[in-house]
Amino acid sequence: MSDSPAAHVTVLLHEAVDALVIDPDGFYIDGTFGRGGHSQLILERLSPQGRLLAIDKDPQAVATGREKFARDERFEIAQGSFTQLEELVAERGRSGEVAGVLVDLGVSSPQLDEAQRGFSFMQDGPLDMRMDTTQGQSAADWISTAKDTELAKILKEYGEEKFAKRIARAIVTAREETPIVRTLQLAKIIADAHPSWEVGKHPATRSFLAIRLFINKELEDLRDLLEQITGALKPGGRLVAISFHSLEDRIVKRFMRDKAKGDNLPRNVPVLESQLNKTLRIIGKATKPSDQEIAINVRSRSAVMRVAEKL
């Protein structure tokens, strides 16, 4: 991937759209537009009657979408979070009529590759990390005031960082001398504090991931979206979710499993299978990128796609 929209490589492109678009006349939602790779292929699969609503927090992504598909009347893009799904669908009179929802979680390559966005520990830039830079607290703002216990909690829970306490103490000590406002500044503090470097992985990887997830409320937003899915989809409508790390995938997997299982009743309660209020059916097994895709796009290596269909 690169920071050029034309060169942007969309992860699991054909697999996702093949699983999603089963009704060419349907109303679909791309909940994470990014640079429009999935949206473009979805539109190619839709009939003149089909419609696609794209959503993205990032103003730059929204601007790209409006320019890229300006002449396609089937396409519409809204700036905001996919947690507004229920509201956006209701505004268009489509509640319970959505044929499919696609979410490609995480950050896009343009966001990672543009140093000014503050997501990368490999390039120097302002320590921001917000997907929507027009609102909310930046990473620098949060780090400047968070207690060491809060820092450690976030690094451990969101980044699964084993040395969270040690890194948190190092951050607090460093900020007492000078404000932490640059990405490489924070990356060096973390690297110097990290006692066990993994081969092929920057020691700041987990910490940067944790801070990004926290700043953008990504896991909370995912849970919020999933609770809205069954109300938005029509019977036979599909949810396609692409995750990039274990925390996201675990949330998606458990949600689909629970909705496919139905009511969690004691083992000996005499109820029929049809009385369990199952709302989803899991479609196939988890899909991962091919070796060929990973060779072309190394950032796809951790992707996992799961699909479910509303009963």
Protein backbone atom coordinates (compact mmCIF):
# COMPACT_ATOMS: atom_id res chain seq x y z
CA MET A 1 0.00 0.00 0.00
CA SER A 2 1.00 3.63 -0.37
CA ASP A 3 -0.42 7.03 0.37
CA SER A 4 -1.69 7.35 -3.17
CA PRO A 5 -5.36 6.40 -3.44
CA ALA A 6 -4.69 4.91 -6.87
CA ALA A 7 -2.04 2.57 -5.42
CA HIS A 8 -3.99 1.71 -2.29
CA VAL A 9 -4.37 -2.06 -2.02
CA THR A 10 -7.68 -3.16 -0.53
CA VAL A 11 -7.48 -6.21 1.73
CA LEU A 12 -9.57 -9.30 0.84
CA LEU A 13 -11.27 -7.26 -1.88
CA HIS A 14 -12.95 -9.95 -3.96
CA GLU A 15 -13.57 -12.30 -1.02
CA ALA A 16 -15.42 -9.58 0.89
CA VAL A 17 -17.53 -8.33 -2.00
CA ASP A 18 -18.34 -11.87 -3.17
CA ALA A 19 -19.67 -12.64 0.31
CA LEU A 20 -21.51 -9.33 0.64
CA VAL A 21 -23.34 -8.68 -2.63
CA ILE A 22 -25.90 -11.41 -3.17
CA ASP A 23 -28.71 -9.08 -4.34
CA PRO A 24 -27.61 -6.67 -7.13
CA ASP A 25 -30.72 -4.55 -6.54
CA GLY A 26 -30.07 -4.20 -2.80
CA PHE A 27 -29.14 -1.35 -0.49
CA TYR A 28 -25.64 -1.82 0.92
CA ILE A 29 -23.44 -0.06 3.47
CA ASP A 30 -19.66 0.24 3.40
CA GLY A 31 -19.13 1.24 7.03
CA THR A 32 -15.41 2.02 6.59
CA PHE A 33 -14.93 3.66 3.18
CA GLY A 34 -11.17 4.29 3.51
CA ARG A 35 -10.09 5.00 -0.05
CA GLY A 36 -13.01 3.24 -1.69
CA GLY A 37 -11.59 -0.06 -2.88
CA HIS A 38 -14.46 -2.17 -1.56
CA SER A 39 -17.02 0.48 -2.52
CA GLN A 40 -15.82 0.52 -6.12
CA LEU A 41 -16.20 -3.23 -6.55
CA ILE A 42 -19.57 -3.23 -4.77
CA LEU A 43 -20.83 -0.62 -7.25
CA GLU A 44 -19.56 -2.75 -10.13
CA ARG A 45 -21.69 -5.62 -8.82
CA LEU A 46 -24.86 -3.56 -8.32
CA SER A 47 -27.62 -3.05 -10.87
CA PRO A 48 -28.95 0.43 -11.76
CA GLN A 49 -31.47 -0.09 -8.92
CA GLY A 50 -28.83 -0.97 -6.32
CA ARG A 51 -27.60 1.62 -3.82
CA LEU A 52 -24.50 2.04 -1.65
CA LEU A 53 -24.12 4.23 1.42
CA ALA A 54 -20.50 4.66 2.56
CA ILE A 55 -19.45 5.98 5.98
CA ASP A 56 -16.10 7.21 7.25
CA LYS A 57 -14.86 9.30 10.18
CA ASP A 58 -11.97 10.72 8.20
CA PRO A 59 -12.79 13.99 6.36
CA GLN A 60 -10.08 13.19 3.79
CA ALA A 61 -11.68 9.82 3.04
CA VAL A 62 -15.10 11.46 2.62
CA ALA A 63 -13.65 14.05 0.24
CA THR A 64 -12.04 11.25 -1.78
CA GLY A 65 -15.35 9.40 -1.99
CA ARG A 66 -17.32 12.40 -3.13
CA GLU A 67 -14.79 13.13 -5.85
CA LYS A 68 -14.27 9.53 -6.94
CA PHE A 69 -17.95 8.64 -7.34
CA ALA A 70 -19.43 12.06 -8.06
CA ARG A 71 -21.13 10.83 -11.24
CA ASP A 72 -22.62 7.66 -9.78
CA GLU A 73 -26.15 8.33 -8.51
CA ARG A 74 -26.18 4.98 -6.71
CA PHE A 75 -23.47 6.16 -4.31
CA GLU A 76 -23.68 8.35 -1.21
CA ILE A 77 -21.11 8.99 1.51
CA ALA A 78 -21.62 10.32 5.05
CA GLN A 79 -18.95 11.60 7.42
CA GLY A 80 -19.27 10.00 10.83
CA SER A 81 -18.90 6.75 12.70
CA PHE A 82 -20.47 3.45 11.74
CA THR A 83 -22.05 3.60 15.19
CA GLN A 84 -24.56 5.94 13.51
CA LEU A 85 -25.75 3.03 11.33
CA GLU A 86 -29.22 2.82 12.86
CA GLU A 87 -29.75 6.57 12.52
CA LEU A 88 -28.43 6.80 8.96
CA VAL A 89 -30.53 3.84 7.82
CA ALA A 90 -33.68 5.23 9.47
CA GLU A 91 -33.16 8.65 7.86
CA ARG A 92 -33.28 6.93 4.47
CA GLY A 93 -36.34 4.84 5.31
CA ARG A 94 -34.32 1.63 5.08
CA SER A 95 -34.59 0.14 8.58
CA GLY A 96 -34.74 -3.64 8.26
CA GLU A 97 -34.09 -3.39 4.51
CA VAL A 98 -30.27 -3.37 4.28
CA ALA A 99 -28.94 -6.14 2.04
CA GLY A 100 -25.46 -6.07 3.50
CA VAL A 101 -23.00 -4.22 5.73
CA LEU A 102 -19.23 -4.34 5.24
CA VAL A 103 -16.73 -3.14 7.85
CA ASP A 104 -12.98 -3.15 7.21
CA LEU A 105 -11.64 -2.32 10.65
CA GLY A 106 -8.49 -0.46 11.63
CA VAL A 107 -6.72 2.37 9.81
CA SER A 108 -6.12 2.75 6.08
CA SER A 109 -2.67 2.90 4.51
CA PRO A 110 -2.96 6.62 3.69
CA GLN A 111 -3.58 7.26 7.38
CA LEU A 112 -0.59 5.14 8.39
CA ASP A 113 1.73 6.51 5.72
CA GLU A 114 0.98 10.20 6.24
CA ALA A 115 3.28 11.27 9.07
CA GLN A 116 1.08 14.25 9.92
CA ARG A 117 -1.71 11.92 11.08
CA GLY A 118 0.44 10.63 13.92
CA PHE A 119 -0.33 6.91 13.58
CA SER A 120 3.17 5.73 12.66
CA PHE A 121 6.09 4.95 14.95
CA MET A 122 8.34 4.80 11.88
CA GLN A 123 7.90 8.41 10.71
CA ASP A 124 8.06 11.60 12.73
CA GLY A 125 4.89 13.62 13.03
CA PRO A 126 2.59 15.24 15.57
CA LEU A 127 1.26 12.69 18.06
CA ASP A 128 -2.39 12.84 17.03
CA MET A 129 -3.85 9.41 16.04
CA ARG A 130 -7.43 10.69 15.62
CA MET A 131 -9.30 9.31 12.61
CA ASP A 132 -11.44 12.46 12.71
CA THR A 133 -9.04 15.28 13.42
CA THR A 134 -11.87 17.79 13.87
CA GLN A 135 -12.98 16.44 17.22
CA GLY A 136 -11.94 14.54 20.32
CA GLN A 137 -8.71 14.32 22.27
CA SER A 138 -5.41 13.71 20.51
CA ALA A 139 -2.96 11.08 21.72
CA ALA A 140 -0.58 13.84 22.86
CA ASP A 141 -3.31 15.49 24.92
CA TRP A 142 -4.25 12.22 26.62
CA ILE A 143 -0.66 11.17 27.31
CA SER A 144 0.10 14.56 28.86
CA THR A 145 -2.37 14.05 31.72
CA ALA A 146 -3.11 10.33 32.09
CA LYS A 147 -1.96 8.69 35.33
CA ASP A 148 0.56 5.88 35.07
CA THR A 149 -2.09 3.38 36.21
CA GLU A 150 -4.44 4.48 33.42
CA LEU A 151 -1.67 4.35 30.83
CA ALA A 152 -0.68 0.86 31.95
CA LYS A 153 -4.30 -0.33 31.88
CA ILE A 154 -4.83 0.85 28.30
CA LEU A 155 -1.50 -0.56 27.06
CA LYS A 156 -2.27 -3.94 28.60
CA GLU A 157 -5.97 -4.23 27.70
CA TYR A 158 -5.91 -2.71 24.22
CA GLY A 159 -2.39 -3.61 23.11
CA GLU A 160 -1.88 -6.82 25.09
CA GLU A 161 1.51 -5.35 26.08
CA LYS A 162 3.24 -7.49 28.71
CA PHE A 163 5.45 -4.65 29.90
CA ALA A 164 2.64 -2.09 30.18
CA LYS A 165 3.51 -0.92 33.71
CA ARG A 166 7.16 -0.42 32.89
CA ILE A 167 6.36 1.53 29.71
CA ALA A 168 3.73 3.64 31.50
CA ARG A 169 6.22 4.64 34.18
CA ALA A 170 8.75 5.59 31.50
CA ILE A 171 6.20 7.79 29.72
CA VAL A 172 5.26 9.59 32.94
CA THR A 173 8.93 10.13 33.85
CA ALA A 174 9.76 11.45 30.37
CA ARG A 175 6.86 13.90 30.23
CA GLU A 176 8.00 15.50 33.49
CA GLU A 177 11.09 16.69 31.65
CA THR A 178 9.51 17.65 28.32
CA PRO A 179 6.02 17.32 26.74
CA ILE A 180 5.57 14.26 24.53
CA VAL A 181 4.17 15.66 21.30
CA ARG A 182 5.91 13.74 18.45
CA THR A 183 5.51 10.14 17.28
CA LEU A 184 9.21 9.27 17.14
CA GLN A 185 9.68 10.88 20.56
CA LEU A 186 7.10 8.51 22.06
CA ALA A 187 8.40 5.53 20.07
CA LYS A 188 11.91 6.05 21.47
CA ILE A 189 10.64 6.32 25.07
CA ILE A 190 8.77 3.03 24.62
CA ALA A 191 11.69 1.31 22.89
CA ASP A 192 14.15 2.38 25.60
CA ALA A 193 11.78 1.08 28.29
CA HIS A 194 10.98 -2.22 26.55
CA PRO A 195 13.14 -5.06 27.89
CA SER A 196 12.23 -7.69 25.28
CA TRP A 197 12.27 -6.83 21.59
CA GLU A 198 10.56 -9.31 19.26
CA VAL A 199 12.36 -10.18 16.04
CA GLY A 200 10.87 -8.28 13.12
CA LYS A 201 8.54 -6.18 15.31
CA HIS A 202 9.16 -2.64 16.53
CA PRO A 203 8.93 -2.52 20.37
CA ALA A 204 6.37 0.31 20.13
CA THR A 205 3.95 -1.68 17.94
CA ARG A 206 1.60 -2.85 20.69
CA SER A 207 1.66 0.45 22.58
CA PHE A 208 0.86 2.53 19.48
CA LEU A 209 -1.97 0.14 18.62
CA ALA A 210 -3.37 0.40 22.14
CA ILE A 211 -3.28 4.20 22.19
CA ARG A 212 -4.92 4.39 18.74
CA LEU A 213 -7.71 2.01 19.72
CA PHE A 214 -8.34 3.98 22.91
CA ILE A 215 -8.24 7.46 21.34
CA ASN A 216 -10.70 6.45 18.60
CA LYS A 217 -12.87 4.22 20.83
CA GLU A 218 -12.54 1.54 18.17
CA LEU A 219 -13.49 -1.50 20.25
CA GLU A 220 -16.42 0.25 21.93
CA ASP A 221 -17.62 1.50 18.54
CA LEU A 222 -17.39 -2.03 17.10
CA ARG A 223 -19.54 -3.44 19.89
CA ASP A 224 -22.02 -0.59 19.39
CA LEU A 225 -22.23 -1.28 15.64
CA LEU A 226 -22.78 -5.00 16.11
CA GLU A 227 -25.75 -4.41 18.40
CA GLN A 228 -27.37 -2.40 15.58
CA ILE A 229 -26.74 -4.91 12.81
CA THR A 230 -29.72 -7.24 13.12
CA GLY A 231 -32.18 -4.33 13.25
CA ALA A 232 -30.70 -2.82 10.10
CA LEU A 233 -30.42 -5.97 7.97
CA LYS A 234 -33.27 -7.55 6.06
CA PRO A 235 -33.74 -11.35 6.27
CA GLY A 236 -30.94 -12.82 4.19
CA GLY A 237 -28.88 -9.64 4.56
CA ARG A 238 -25.22 -10.11 5.40
CA LEU A 239 -22.59 -8.73 7.73
CA VAL A 240 -19.01 -8.97 6.45
CA ALA A 241 -16.35 -7.94 8.98
CA ILE A 242 -12.60 -7.77 8.34
CA SER A 243 -10.48 -7.55 11.50
CA PHE A 244 -6.76 -6.89 11.83
CA HIS A 245 -5.95 -7.98 15.36
CA SER A 246 -7.14 -10.48 17.91
CA LEU A 247 -9.23 -8.12 20.05
CA GLU A 248 -11.39 -7.02 17.12
CA ASP A 249 -11.71 -10.54 15.75
CA ARG A 250 -12.66 -11.91 19.17
CA ILE A 251 -15.49 -9.38 19.48
CA VAL A 252 -16.82 -10.19 16.00
CA LYS A 253 -16.47 -13.96 16.47
CA ARG A 254 -18.27 -13.98 19.83
CA PHE A 255 -21.06 -11.75 18.53
CA MET A 256 -21.74 -13.96 15.52
CA ARG A 257 -21.51 -17.12 17.61
CA ASP A 258 -23.91 -15.82 20.26
CA LYS A 259 -26.46 -14.57 17.72
CA ALA A 260 -26.26 -17.88 15.84
CA LYS A 261 -26.68 -19.84 19.07
CA GLY A 262 -29.69 -17.86 20.32
CA ASP A 263 -30.90 -17.55 23.89
CA ASN A 264 -28.42 -18.79 26.48
CA LEU A 265 -30.70 -21.05 28.51
CA PRO A 266 -29.81 -23.72 31.10
CA ARG A 267 -29.00 -27.04 29.48
CA ASN A 268 -32.09 -28.92 30.67
CA VAL A 269 -34.74 -26.31 29.82
CA PRO A 270 -37.25 -28.03 27.49
CA VAL A 271 -37.41 -25.66 24.49
CA LEU A 272 -37.49 -26.31 20.77
CA GLU A 273 -34.64 -25.19 18.53
CA SER A 274 -37.06 -22.74 16.87
CA GLN A 275 -37.72 -21.05 20.23
CA LEU A 276 -34.12 -19.97 20.87
CA ASN A 277 -34.46 -16.61 19.08
CA LYS A 278 -31.51 -17.16 16.77
CA THR A 279 -30.94 -14.08 14.62
CA LEU A 280 -27.84 -14.88 12.55
CA ARG A 281 -26.40 -17.78 10.60
CA ILE A 282 -22.62 -18.00 10.25
CA ILE A 283 -21.54 -18.31 6.61
CA GLY A 284 -18.47 -20.46 6.05
CA LYS A 285 -15.28 -20.31 8.07
CA ALA A 286 -13.00 -17.39 8.84
CA THR A 287 -11.15 -16.28 5.69
CA LYS A 288 -7.55 -15.08 5.66
CA PRO A 289 -5.51 -13.53 2.85
CA SER A 290 -3.72 -15.86 0.45
CA ASP A 291 0.06 -16.13 0.40
CA GLN A 292 -0.06 -14.25 -2.90
CA GLU A 293 -1.99 -11.33 -1.37
CA ILE A 294 0.38 -11.16 1.60
CA ALA A 295 3.36 -11.12 -0.76
CA ILE A 296 1.85 -8.12 -2.57
CA ASN A 297 0.60 -6.38 0.55
CA VAL A 298 2.36 -7.33 3.79
CA ARG A 299 -0.11 -5.31 5.87
CA SER A 300 -2.83 -7.82 4.99
CA ARG A 301 -1.09 -10.65 6.86
CA SER A 302 -3.12 -10.29 10.06
CA ALA A 303 -6.53 -9.84 8.40
CA VAL A 304 -9.42 -12.17 9.25
CA MET A 305 -12.82 -11.98 7.54
CA ARG A 306 -16.01 -13.35 9.06
CA VAL A 307 -19.47 -13.47 7.47
CA ALA A 308 -22.95 -13.89 8.95
CA GLU A 309 -26.45 -13.73 7.48
CA LYS A 310 -29.64 -12.56 9.15
CA LEU A 311 -32.27 -15.29 9.58
